[in-house]
Amino acid sequence: METESTPLLLRPAPWDPRRSTIAGGLVLVTLTLERLAFYALVANLFLFLSLGGWSPRGSMTAVLILVGVAHFSALGGGWLADGLVRKAEFSFVTCTCVEIFKRI
């Protein structure tokens, strides 16, 4: 295996606290907007089910099941990605799924 003989950057960039603060703020804004979009979809699902003939209790049950599955699937997916599946296997499975869905 070869080692890196030349650096990727000719000189290291100085650390700028202002740029780090801006980057961190943008990450937080992005996460907030992502969560806002998720809960907007959840609210729309509740309205759709309620206006579509479901009882309010049934609509809320379906919404809560969706939210629970979404939150707990992140734990299971993280566990699979970190512990069980090696990088090459995960890439192969992902590429295979993408090819299957392209043909559908």
PDB file of N, CA and C in Angstrom:
ATOM      1  N   MET A   1       0.843  -1.174   0.000  1.00  0.00           N
ATOM      2  CA  MET A   1       0.000   0.000   0.000  1.00  0.00           C
ATOM      3  C   MET A   1       0.892   1.242   0.000  1.00  0.00           C
ATOM      4  N   GLU A   2       0.576   2.163  -0.864  1.00  0.00           N
ATOM      5  CA  GLU A   2       1.368   3.380  -0.960  1.00  0.00           C
ATOM      6  C   GLU A   2       0.912   4.385   0.090  1.00  0.00           C
ATOM      7  N   THR A   3       1.856   5.157   0.535  1.00  0.00           N
ATOM      8  CA  THR A   3       1.522   6.231   1.458  1.00  0.00           C
ATOM      9  C   THR A   3       1.457   7.539   0.687  1.00  0.00           C
ATOM     10  N   GLU A   4       0.829   8.490   1.269  1.00  0.00           N
ATOM     11  CA  GLU A   4       0.691   9.790   0.616  1.00  0.00           C
ATOM     12  C   GLU A   4       2.031  10.522   0.700  1.00  0.00           C
ATOM     13  N   SER A   5       2.577  10.861  -0.451  1.00  0.00           N
ATOM     14  CA  SER A   5       3.890  11.506  -0.451  1.00  0.00           C
ATOM     15  C   SER A   5       3.792  13.025  -0.547  1.00  0.00           C
ATOM     16  N   THR A   6       2.713  13.529  -1.137  1.00  0.00           N
ATOM     17  CA  THR A   6       2.536  14.980  -1.216  1.00  0.00           C
ATOM     18  C   THR A   6       1.235  15.351  -0.523  1.00  0.00           C
ATOM     19  N   PRO A   7       1.226  16.418   0.207  1.00  0.00           N
ATOM     20  CA  PRO A   7      -0.013  16.811   0.895  1.00  0.00           C
ATOM     21  C   PRO A   7      -1.058  17.288  -0.106  1.00  0.00           C
ATOM     22  N   LEU A   8      -2.311  17.133   0.284  1.00  0.00           N
ATOM     23  CA  LEU A   8      -3.402  17.590  -0.579  1.00  0.00           C
ATOM     24  C   LEU A   8      -3.453  19.115  -0.650  1.00  0.00           C
ATOM     25  N   LEU A   9      -3.111  19.764   0.426  1.00  0.00           N
ATOM     26  CA  LEU A   9      -3.057  21.224   0.450  1.00  0.00           C
ATOM     27  C   LEU A   9      -1.603  21.642   0.584  1.00  0.00           C
ATOM     28  N   LEU A  10      -1.218  22.673  -0.135  1.00  0.00           N
ATOM     29  CA  LEU A  10       0.163  23.114  -0.057  1.00  0.00           C
ATOM     30  C   LEU A  10       0.505  23.673   1.315  1.00  0.00           C
ATOM     31  N   ARG A  11      -0.406  24.392   1.893  1.00  0.00           N
ATOM     32  CA  ARG A  11      -0.193  24.882   3.251  1.00  0.00           C
ATOM     33  C   ARG A  11      -1.511  24.725   4.001  1.00  0.00           C
ATOM     34  N   PRO A  12      -1.442  24.393   5.261  1.00  0.00           N
ATOM     35  CA  PRO A  12      -2.698  24.209   5.999  1.00  0.00           C
ATOM     36  C   PRO A  12      -3.457  25.526   6.143  1.00  0.00           C
ATOM     37  N   ALA A  13      -4.743  25.435   5.987  1.00  0.00           N
ATOM     38  CA  ALA A  13      -5.585  26.625   6.126  1.00  0.00           C
ATOM     39  C   ALA A  13      -5.689  26.987   7.602  1.00  0.00           C
ATOM     40  N   PRO A  14      -5.644  28.259   7.919  1.00  0.00           N
ATOM     41  CA  PRO A  14      -5.765  28.647   9.329  1.00  0.00           C
ATOM     42  C   PRO A  14      -7.190  28.402   9.824  1.00  0.00           C
ATOM     43  N   TRP A  15      -7.287  28.028  11.078  1.00  0.00           N
ATOM     44  CA  TRP A  15      -8.597  27.793  11.667  1.00  0.00           C
ATOM     45  C   TRP A  15      -9.267  29.130  11.930  1.00  0.00           C
ATOM     46  N   ASP A  16     -10.471  29.266  11.407  1.00  0.00           N
ATOM     47  CA  ASP A  16     -11.204  30.518  11.548  1.00  0.00           C
ATOM     48  C   ASP A  16     -12.448  30.262  12.399  1.00  0.00           C
ATOM     49  N   PRO A  17     -12.494  30.804  13.617  1.00  0.00           N
ATOM     50  CA  PRO A  17     -13.659  30.549  14.469  1.00  0.00           C
ATOM     51  C   PRO A  17     -14.962  31.064  13.875  1.00  0.00           C
ATOM     52  N   ARG A  18     -14.897  32.131  13.109  1.00  0.00           N
ATOM     53  CA  ARG A  18     -16.115  32.679  12.498  1.00  0.00           C
ATOM     54  C   ARG A  18     -16.712  31.702  11.496  1.00  0.00           C
ATOM     55  N   ARG A  19     -15.842  31.111  10.661  1.00  0.00           N
ATOM     56  CA  ARG A  19     -16.329  30.132   9.675  1.00  0.00           C
ATOM     57  C   ARG A  19     -16.882  28.894  10.365  1.00  0.00           C
ATOM     58  N   SER A  20     -16.278  28.476  11.450  1.00  0.00           N
ATOM     59  CA  SER A  20     -16.773  27.318  12.193  1.00  0.00           C
ATOM     60  C   SER A  20     -18.145  27.604  12.799  1.00  0.00           C
ATOM     61  N   THR A  21     -18.318  28.807  13.309  1.00  0.00           N
ATOM     62  CA  THR A  21     -19.608  29.183  13.876  1.00  0.00           C
ATOM     63  C   THR A  21     -20.684  29.220  12.795  1.00  0.00           C
ATOM     64  N   ILE A  22     -20.349  29.752  11.639  1.00  0.00           N
ATOM     65  CA  ILE A  22     -21.312  29.805  10.529  1.00  0.00           C
ATOM     66  C   ILE A  22     -21.665  28.391  10.079  1.00  0.00           C
ATOM     67  N   ALA A  23     -20.670  27.527   9.960  1.00  0.00           N
ATOM     68  CA  ALA A  23     -20.928  26.145   9.528  1.00  0.00           C
ATOM     69  C   ALA A  23     -21.810  25.424  10.536  1.00  0.00           C
ATOM     70  N   GLY A  24     -21.513  25.585  11.821  1.00  0.00           N
ATOM     71  CA  GLY A  24     -22.346  24.956  12.851  1.00  0.00           C
ATOM     72  C   GLY A  24     -23.762  25.482  12.837  1.00  0.00           C
ATOM     73  N   GLY A  25     -23.916  26.785  12.643  1.00  0.00           N
ATOM     74  CA  GLY A  25     -25.251  27.374  12.563  1.00  0.00           C
ATOM     75  C   GLY A  25     -26.041  26.857  11.371  1.00  0.00           C
ATOM     76  N   LEU A  26     -25.362  26.702  10.233  1.00  0.00           N
ATOM     77  CA  LEU A  26     -26.047  26.175   9.050  1.00  0.00           C
ATOM     78  C   LEU A  26     -26.481  24.724   9.240  1.00  0.00           C
ATOM     79  N   VAL A  27     -25.664  23.955   9.925  1.00  0.00           N
ATOM     80  CA  VAL A  27     -26.045  22.568  10.218  1.00  0.00           C
ATOM     81  C   VAL A  27     -27.296  22.546  11.102  1.00  0.00           C
ATOM     82  N   LEU A  28     -27.324  23.393  12.131  1.00  0.00           N
ATOM     83  CA  LEU A  28     -28.493  23.439  13.008  1.00  0.00           C
ATOM     84  C   LEU A  28     -29.743  23.921  12.282  1.00  0.00           C
ATOM     85  N   VAL A  29     -29.594  24.898  11.407  1.00  0.00           N
ATOM     86  CA  VAL A  29     -30.743  25.376  10.624  1.00  0.00           C
ATOM     87  C   VAL A  29     -31.260  24.267   9.712  1.00  0.00           C
ATOM     88  N   THR A  30     -30.340  23.532   9.089  1.00  0.00           N
ATOM     89  CA  THR A  30     -30.747  22.444   8.204  1.00  0.00           C
ATOM     90  C   THR A  30     -31.489  21.358   8.968  1.00  0.00           C
ATOM     91  N   LEU A  31     -30.973  20.991  10.134  1.00  0.00           N
ATOM     92  CA  LEU A  31     -31.654  19.977  10.942  1.00  0.00           C
ATOM     93  C   LEU A  31     -33.027  20.444  11.394  1.00  0.00           C
ATOM     94  N   THR A  32     -33.130  21.711  11.748  1.00  0.00           N
ATOM     95  CA  THR A  32     -34.425  22.250  12.172  1.00  0.00           C
ATOM     96  C   THR A  32     -35.432  22.227  11.024  1.00  0.00           C
ATOM     97  N   LEU A  33     -35.005  22.624   9.842  1.00  0.00           N
ATOM     98  CA  LEU A  33     -35.912  22.608   8.689  1.00  0.00           C
ATOM     99  C   LEU A  33     -36.304  21.190   8.302  1.00  0.00           C
ATOM    100  N   GLU A  34     -35.366  20.251   8.432  1.00  0.00           N
ATOM    101  CA  GLU A  34     -35.689  18.861   8.134  1.00  0.00           C
ATOM    102  C   GLU A  34     -36.745  18.323   9.101  1.00  0.00           C
ATOM    103  N   ARG A  35     -36.576  18.625  10.373  1.00  0.00           N
ATOM    104  CA  ARG A  35     -37.557  18.174  11.370  1.00  0.00           C
ATOM    105  C   ARG A  35     -38.902  18.854  11.149  1.00  0.00           C
ATOM    106  N   LEU A  36     -38.884  20.134  10.792  1.00  0.00           N
ATOM    107  CA  LEU A  36     -40.120  20.856  10.510  1.00  0.00           C
ATOM    108  C   LEU A  36     -40.861  20.218   9.331  1.00  0.00           C
ATOM    109  N   ALA A  37     -40.133  19.835   8.297  1.00  0.00           N
ATOM    110  CA  ALA A  37     -40.764  19.199   7.145  1.00  0.00           C
ATOM    111  C   ALA A  37     -41.361  17.846   7.530  1.00  0.00           C
ATOM    112  N   PHE A  38     -40.671  17.084   8.370  1.00  0.00           N
ATOM    113  CA  PHE A  38     -41.198  15.788   8.802  1.00  0.00           C
ATOM    114  C   PHE A  38     -42.500  15.962   9.569  1.00  0.00           C
ATOM    115  N   TYR A  39     -42.517  16.889  10.523  1.00  0.00           N
ATOM    116  CA  TYR A  39     -43.733  17.063  11.308  1.00  0.00           C
ATOM    117  C   TYR A  39     -44.852  17.706  10.493  1.00  0.00           C
ATOM    118  N   ALA A  40     -44.525  18.473   9.473  1.00  0.00           N
ATOM    119  CA  ALA A  40     -45.563  18.978   8.574  1.00  0.00           C
ATOM    120  C   ALA A  40     -46.201  17.833   7.794  1.00  0.00           C
ATOM    121  N   LEU A  41     -45.377  16.871   7.362  1.00  0.00           N
ATOM    122  CA  LEU A  41     -45.928  15.696   6.679  1.00  0.00           C
ATOM    123  C   LEU A  41     -46.804  14.865   7.619  1.00  0.00           C
ATOM    124  N   VAL A  42     -46.392  14.762   8.870  1.00  0.00           N
ATOM    125  CA  VAL A  42     -47.183  14.019   9.853  1.00  0.00           C
ATOM    126  C   VAL A  42     -48.531  14.706  10.067  1.00  0.00           C
ATOM    127  N   ALA A  43     -48.523  16.029  10.171  1.00  0.00           N
ATOM    128  CA  ALA A  43     -49.781  16.762  10.345  1.00  0.00           C
ATOM    129  C   ALA A  43     -50.674  16.609   9.118  1.00  0.00           C
ATOM    130  N   ASN A  44     -50.081  16.646   7.932  1.00  0.00           N
ATOM    131  CA  ASN A  44     -50.865  16.453   6.711  1.00  0.00           C
ATOM    132  C   ASN A  44     -51.451  15.050   6.640  1.00  0.00           C
ATOM    133  N   LEU A  45     -50.691  14.056   7.112  1.00  0.00           N
ATOM    134  CA  LEU A  45     -51.231  12.699   7.141  1.00  0.00           C
ATOM    135  C   LEU A  45     -52.439  12.619   8.067  1.00  0.00           C
ATOM    136  N   PHE A  46     -52.342  13.251   9.227  1.00  0.00           N
ATOM    137  CA  PHE A  46     -53.468  13.250  10.162  1.00  0.00           C
ATOM    138  C   PHE A  46     -54.698  13.898   9.534  1.00  0.00           C
ATOM    139  N   LEU A  47     -54.505  15.055   8.897  1.00  0.00           N
ATOM    140  CA  LEU A  47     -55.640  15.725   8.253  1.00  0.00           C
ATOM    141  C   LEU A  47     -56.220  14.887   7.122  1.00  0.00           C
ATOM    142  N   PHE A  48     -55.350  14.280   6.323  1.00  0.00           N
ATOM    143  CA  PHE A  48     -55.809  13.454   5.210  1.00  0.00           C
ATOM    144  C   PHE A  48     -56.640  12.279   5.709  1.00  0.00           C
ATOM    145  N   LEU A  49     -56.147  11.615   6.750  1.00  0.00           N
ATOM    146  CA  LEU A  49     -56.890  10.467   7.273  1.00  0.00           C
ATOM    147  C   LEU A  49     -58.188  10.902   7.940  1.00  0.00           C
ATOM    148  N   SER A  50     -58.153  12.003   8.672  1.00  0.00           N
ATOM    149  CA  SER A  50     -59.363  12.480   9.358  1.00  0.00           C
ATOM    150  C   SER A  50     -60.437  12.897   8.371  1.00  0.00           C
ATOM    151  N   LEU A  51     -60.040  13.586   7.319  1.00  0.00           N
ATOM    152  CA  LEU A  51     -61.014  14.024   6.321  1.00  0.00           C
ATOM    153  C   LEU A  51     -61.410  12.898   5.376  1.00  0.00           C
ATOM    154  N   GLY A  52     -60.644  11.828   5.376  1.00  0.00           N
ATOM    155  CA  GLY A  52     -60.933  10.700   4.491  1.00  0.00           C
ATOM    156  C   GLY A  52     -61.849   9.667   5.090  1.00  0.00           C
ATOM    157  N   GLY A  53     -62.372   9.930   6.286  1.00  0.00           N
ATOM    158  CA  GLY A  53     -63.338   9.012   6.855  1.00  0.00           C
ATOM    159  C   GLY A  53     -62.839   8.250   8.066  1.00  0.00           C
ATOM    160  N   TRP A  54     -61.592   8.418   8.438  1.00  0.00           N
ATOM    161  CA  TRP A  54     -61.084   7.748   9.639  1.00  0.00           C
ATOM    162  C   TRP A  54     -61.566   8.502  10.864  1.00  0.00           C
ATOM    163  N   SER A  55     -61.693   7.791  11.970  1.00  0.00           N
ATOM    164  CA  SER A  55     -62.019   8.464  13.229  1.00  0.00           C
ATOM    165  C   SER A  55     -60.778   9.217  13.712  1.00  0.00           C
ATOM    166  N   PRO A  56     -60.970  10.241  14.520  1.00  0.00           N
ATOM    167  CA  PRO A  56     -59.791  10.958  15.042  1.00  0.00           C
ATOM    168  C   PRO A  56     -58.842  10.043  15.818  1.00  0.00           C
ATOM    169  N   ARG A  57     -59.413   9.103  16.567  1.00  0.00           N
ATOM    170  CA  ARG A  57     -58.566   8.180  17.327  1.00  0.00           C
ATOM    171  C   ARG A  57     -57.778   7.269  16.382  1.00  0.00           C
ATOM    172  N   GLY A  58     -58.399   6.779  15.335  1.00  0.00           N
ATOM    173  CA  GLY A  58     -57.704   5.938  14.364  1.00  0.00           C
ATOM    174  C   GLY A  58     -56.639   6.706  13.597  1.00  0.00           C
ATOM    175  N   SER A  59     -56.956   7.958  13.260  1.00  0.00           N
ATOM    176  CA  SER A  59     -55.979   8.793  12.562  1.00  0.00           C
ATOM    177  C   SER A  59     -54.754   9.045  13.424  1.00  0.00           C
ATOM    178  N   MET A  60     -54.991   9.376  14.690  1.00  0.00           N
ATOM    179  CA  MET A  60     -53.871   9.654  15.587  1.00  0.00           C
ATOM    180  C   MET A  60     -53.063   8.386  15.851  1.00  0.00           C
ATOM    181  N   THR A  61     -53.711   7.244  15.936  1.00  0.00           N
ATOM    182  CA  THR A  61     -52.992   5.987  16.124  1.00  0.00           C
ATOM    183  C   THR A  61     -52.081   5.706  14.939  1.00  0.00           C
ATOM    184  N   ALA A  62     -52.591   5.901  13.724  1.00  0.00           N
ATOM    185  CA  ALA A  62     -51.772   5.676  12.531  1.00  0.00           C
ATOM    186  C   ALA A  62     -50.588   6.632  12.491  1.00  0.00           C
ATOM    187  N   VAL A  63     -50.817   7.881  12.860  1.00  0.00           N
ATOM    188  CA  VAL A  63     -49.743   8.877  12.862  1.00  0.00           C
ATOM    189  C   VAL A  63     -48.690   8.517  13.904  1.00  0.00           C
ATOM    190  N   LEU A  64     -49.121   8.120  15.096  1.00  0.00           N
ATOM    191  CA  LEU A  64     -48.168   7.767  16.140  1.00  0.00           C
ATOM    192  C   LEU A  64     -47.376   6.511  15.787  1.00  0.00           C
ATOM    193  N   ILE A  65     -47.996   5.571  15.114  1.00  0.00           N
ATOM    194  CA  ILE A  65     -47.262   4.389  14.653  1.00  0.00           C
ATOM    195  C   ILE A  65     -46.207   4.797  13.635  1.00  0.00           C
ATOM    196  N   LEU A  66     -46.568   5.683  12.711  1.00  0.00           N
ATOM    197  CA  LEU A  66     -45.602   6.163  11.725  1.00  0.00           C
ATOM    198  C   LEU A  66     -44.420   6.861  12.396  1.00  0.00           C
ATOM    199  N   VAL A  67     -44.702   7.745  13.353  1.00  0.00           N
ATOM    200  CA  VAL A  67     -43.632   8.470  14.033  1.00  0.00           C
ATOM    201  C   VAL A  67     -42.751   7.515  14.832  1.00  0.00           C
ATOM    202  N   GLY A  68     -43.360   6.545  15.498  1.00  0.00           N
ATOM    203  CA  GLY A  68     -42.590   5.568  16.263  1.00  0.00           C
ATOM    204  C   GLY A  68     -41.702   4.720  15.382  1.00  0.00           C
ATOM    205  N   VAL A  69     -42.243   4.256  14.270  1.00  0.00           N
ATOM    206  CA  VAL A  69     -41.441   3.450  13.345  1.00  0.00           C
ATOM    207  C   VAL A  69     -40.306   4.277  12.752  1.00  0.00           C
ATOM    208  N   ALA A  70     -40.583   5.536  12.433  1.00  0.00           N
ATOM    209  CA  ALA A  70     -39.533   6.396  11.867  1.00  0.00           C
ATOM    210  C   ALA A  70     -38.399   6.619  12.863  1.00  0.00           C
ATOM    211  N   HIS A  71     -38.738   6.850  14.122  1.00  0.00           N
ATOM    212  CA  HIS A  71     -37.694   7.110  15.115  1.00  0.00           C
ATOM    213  C   HIS A  71     -36.919   5.843  15.462  1.00  0.00           C
ATOM    214  N   PHE A  72     -37.607   4.724  15.621  1.00  0.00           N
ATOM    215  CA  PHE A  72     -36.904   3.501  16.013  1.00  0.00           C
ATOM    216  C   PHE A  72     -36.191   2.832  14.846  1.00  0.00           C
ATOM    217  N   SER A  73     -36.623   3.082  13.623  1.00  0.00           N
ATOM    218  CA  SER A  73     -35.903   2.514  12.480  1.00  0.00           C
ATOM    219  C   SER A  73     -34.529   3.161  12.323  1.00  0.00           C
ATOM    220  N   ALA A  74     -34.390   4.395  12.784  1.00  0.00           N
ATOM    221  CA  ALA A  74     -33.067   5.034  12.756  1.00  0.00           C
ATOM    222  C   ALA A  74     -32.102   4.300  13.679  1.00  0.00           C
ATOM    223  N   LEU A  75     -32.582   3.836  14.819  1.00  0.00           N
ATOM    224  CA  LEU A  75     -31.725   3.063  15.729  1.00  0.00           C
ATOM    225  C   LEU A  75     -31.314   1.739  15.097  1.00  0.00           C
ATOM    226  N   GLY A  76     -32.287   1.055  14.519  1.00  0.00           N
ATOM    227  CA  GLY A  76     -31.973  -0.228  13.881  1.00  0.00           C
ATOM    228  C   GLY A  76     -31.076  -0.061  12.671  1.00  0.00           C
ATOM    229  N   GLY A  77     -31.329   0.944  11.867  1.00  0.00           N
ATOM    230  CA  GLY A  77     -30.489   1.191  10.697  1.00  0.00           C
ATOM    231  C   GLY A  77     -29.078   1.569  11.071  1.00  0.00           C
ATOM    232  N   GLY A  78     -28.924   2.360  12.120  1.00  0.00           N
ATOM    233  CA  GLY A  78     -27.593   2.715  12.596  1.00  0.00           C
ATOM    234  C   GLY A  78     -26.851   1.509  13.124  1.00  0.00           C
ATOM    235  N   TRP A  79     -27.561   0.648  13.837  1.00  0.00           N
ATOM    236  CA  TRP A  79     -26.949  -0.575  14.362  1.00  0.00           C
ATOM    237  C   TRP A  79     -26.489  -1.477  13.223  1.00  0.00           C
ATOM    238  N   LEU A  80     -27.330  -1.612  12.204  1.00  0.00           N
ATOM    239  CA  LEU A  80     -26.944  -2.431  11.050  1.00  0.00           C
ATOM    240  C   LEU A  80     -25.752  -1.830  10.320  1.00  0.00           C
ATOM    241  N   ALA A  81     -25.798  -0.537  10.088  1.00  0.00           N
ATOM    242  CA  ALA A  81     -24.734   0.102   9.326  1.00  0.00           C
ATOM    243  C   ALA A  81     -23.413   0.089  10.089  1.00  0.00           C
ATOM    244  N   ASP A  82     -23.455   0.273  11.394  1.00  0.00           N
ATOM    245  CA  ASP A  82     -22.226   0.352  12.169  1.00  0.00           C
ATOM    246  C   ASP A  82     -21.678  -1.012  12.556  1.00  0.00           C
ATOM    247  N   GLY A  83     -22.544  -1.929  12.909  1.00  0.00           N
ATOM    248  CA  GLY A  83     -22.057  -3.157  13.505  1.00  0.00           C
ATOM    249  C   GLY A  83     -22.080  -4.380  12.624  1.00  0.00           C
ATOM    250  N   LEU A  84     -23.153  -4.586  11.904  1.00  0.00           N
ATOM    251  CA  LEU A  84     -23.301  -5.853  11.196  1.00  0.00           C
ATOM    252  C   LEU A  84     -22.790  -5.835   9.763  1.00  0.00           C
ATOM    253  N   VAL A  85     -23.074  -4.777   9.075  1.00  0.00           N
ATOM    254  CA  VAL A  85     -22.796  -4.747   7.645  1.00  0.00           C
ATOM    255  C   VAL A  85     -21.452  -4.070   7.398  1.00  0.00           C
ATOM    256  N   ARG A  86     -20.600  -4.762   6.686  1.00  0.00           N
ATOM    257  CA  ARG A  86     -19.332  -4.119   6.305  1.00  0.00           C
ATOM    258  C   ARG A  86     -19.575  -3.160   5.156  1.00  0.00           C
ATOM    259  N   LYS A  87     -18.621  -2.285   4.929  1.00  0.00           N
ATOM    260  CA  LYS A  87     -18.804  -1.212   3.945  1.00  0.00           C
ATOM    261  C   LYS A  87     -19.036  -1.766   2.535  1.00  0.00           C
ATOM    262  N   ALA A  88     -18.278  -2.762   2.138  1.00  0.00           N
ATOM    263  CA  ALA A  88     -18.416  -3.303   0.784  1.00  0.00           C
ATOM    264  C   ALA A  88     -19.764  -3.984   0.601  1.00  0.00           C
ATOM    265  N   GLU A  89     -20.202  -4.722   1.627  1.00  0.00           N
ATOM    266  CA  GLU A  89     -21.498  -5.394   1.523  1.00  0.00           C
ATOM    267  C   GLU A  89     -22.634  -4.379   1.448  1.00  0.00           C
ATOM    268  N   PHE A  90     -22.526  -3.325   2.252  1.00  0.00           N
ATOM    269  CA  PHE A  90     -23.563  -2.308   2.240  1.00  0.00           C
ATOM    270  C   PHE A  90     -23.629  -1.611   0.889  1.00  0.00           C
ATOM    271  N   SER A  91     -22.469  -1.323   0.307  1.00  0.00           N
ATOM    272  CA  SER A  91     -22.434  -0.696  -1.014  1.00  0.00           C
ATOM    273  C   SER A  91     -23.046  -1.607  -2.059  1.00  0.00           C
ATOM    274  N   PHE A  92     -22.744  -2.902  -1.984  1.00  0.00           N
ATOM    275  CA  PHE A  92     -23.305  -3.854  -2.944  1.00  0.00           C
ATOM    276  C   PHE A  92     -24.823  -3.921  -2.821  1.00  0.00           C
ATOM    277  N   VAL A  93     -25.320  -4.002  -1.599  1.00  0.00           N
ATOM    278  CA  VAL A  93     -26.768  -4.076  -1.390  1.00  0.00           C
ATOM    279  C   VAL A  93     -27.443  -2.794  -1.869  1.00  0.00           C
ATOM    280  N   THR A  94     -26.847  -1.653  -1.580  1.00  0.00           N
ATOM    281  CA  THR A  94     -27.419  -0.378  -2.009  1.00  0.00           C
ATOM    282  C   THR A  94     -27.465  -0.282  -3.528  1.00  0.00           C
ATOM    283  N   CYS A  95     -26.377  -0.636  -4.194  1.00  0.00           N
ATOM    284  CA  CYS A  95     -26.347  -0.579  -5.660  1.00  0.00           C
ATOM    285  C   CYS A  95     -27.339  -1.554  -6.268  1.00  0.00           C
ATOM    286  N   THR A  96     -27.472  -2.726  -5.658  1.00  0.00           N
ATOM    287  CA  THR A  96     -28.432  -3.719  -6.152  1.00  0.00           C
ATOM    288  C   THR A  96     -29.853  -3.191  -6.028  1.00  0.00           C
ATOM    289  N   CYS A  97     -30.185  -2.583  -4.889  1.00  0.00           N
ATOM    290  CA  CYS A  97     -31.523  -2.033  -4.700  1.00  0.00           C
ATOM    291  C   CYS A  97     -31.804  -0.903  -5.679  1.00  0.00           C
ATOM    292  N   VAL A  98     -30.821  -0.062  -5.920  1.00  0.00           N
ATOM    293  CA  VAL A  98     -30.998   1.043  -6.862  1.00  0.00           C
ATOM    294  C   VAL A  98     -31.274   0.491  -8.260  1.00  0.00           C
ATOM    295  N   GLU A  99     -30.529  -0.526  -8.668  1.00  0.00           N
ATOM    296  CA  GLU A  99     -30.737  -1.123  -9.997  1.00  0.00           C
ATOM    297  C   GLU A  99     -32.111  -1.785 -10.095  1.00  0.00           C
ATOM    298  N   ILE A 100     -32.553  -2.423  -9.039  1.00  0.00           N
ATOM    299  CA  ILE A 100     -33.873  -3.063  -9.060  1.00  0.00           C
ATOM    300  C   ILE A 100     -34.960  -2.006  -9.210  1.00  0.00           C
ATOM    301  N   PHE A 101     -34.839  -0.909  -8.450  1.00  0.00           N
ATOM    302  CA  PHE A 101     -35.871   0.125  -8.519  1.00  0.00           C
ATOM    303  C   PHE A 101     -35.824   0.897  -9.840  1.00  0.00           C
ATOM    304  N   LYS A 102     -34.698   0.934 -10.501  1.00  0.00           N
ATOM    305  CA  LYS A 102     -34.623   1.580 -11.810  1.00  0.00           C
ATOM    306  C   LYS A 102     -35.447   0.806 -12.838  1.00  0.00           C
ATOM    307  N   ARG A 103     -35.470  -0.503 -12.703  1.00  0.00           N
ATOM    308  CA  ARG A 103     -36.169  -1.356 -13.680  1.00  0.00           C
ATOM    309  C   ARG A 103     -37.657  -1.454 -13.445  1.00  0.00           C
ATOM    310  N   ILE A 104     -38.099  -1.020 -12.290  1.00  0.00           N
ATOM    311  CA  ILE A 104     -39.537  -1.109 -11.997  1.00  0.00           C
ATOM    312  C   ILE A 104     -40.280   0.019 -12.665  1.00  0.00           C
TER     313      ILE A 104
END
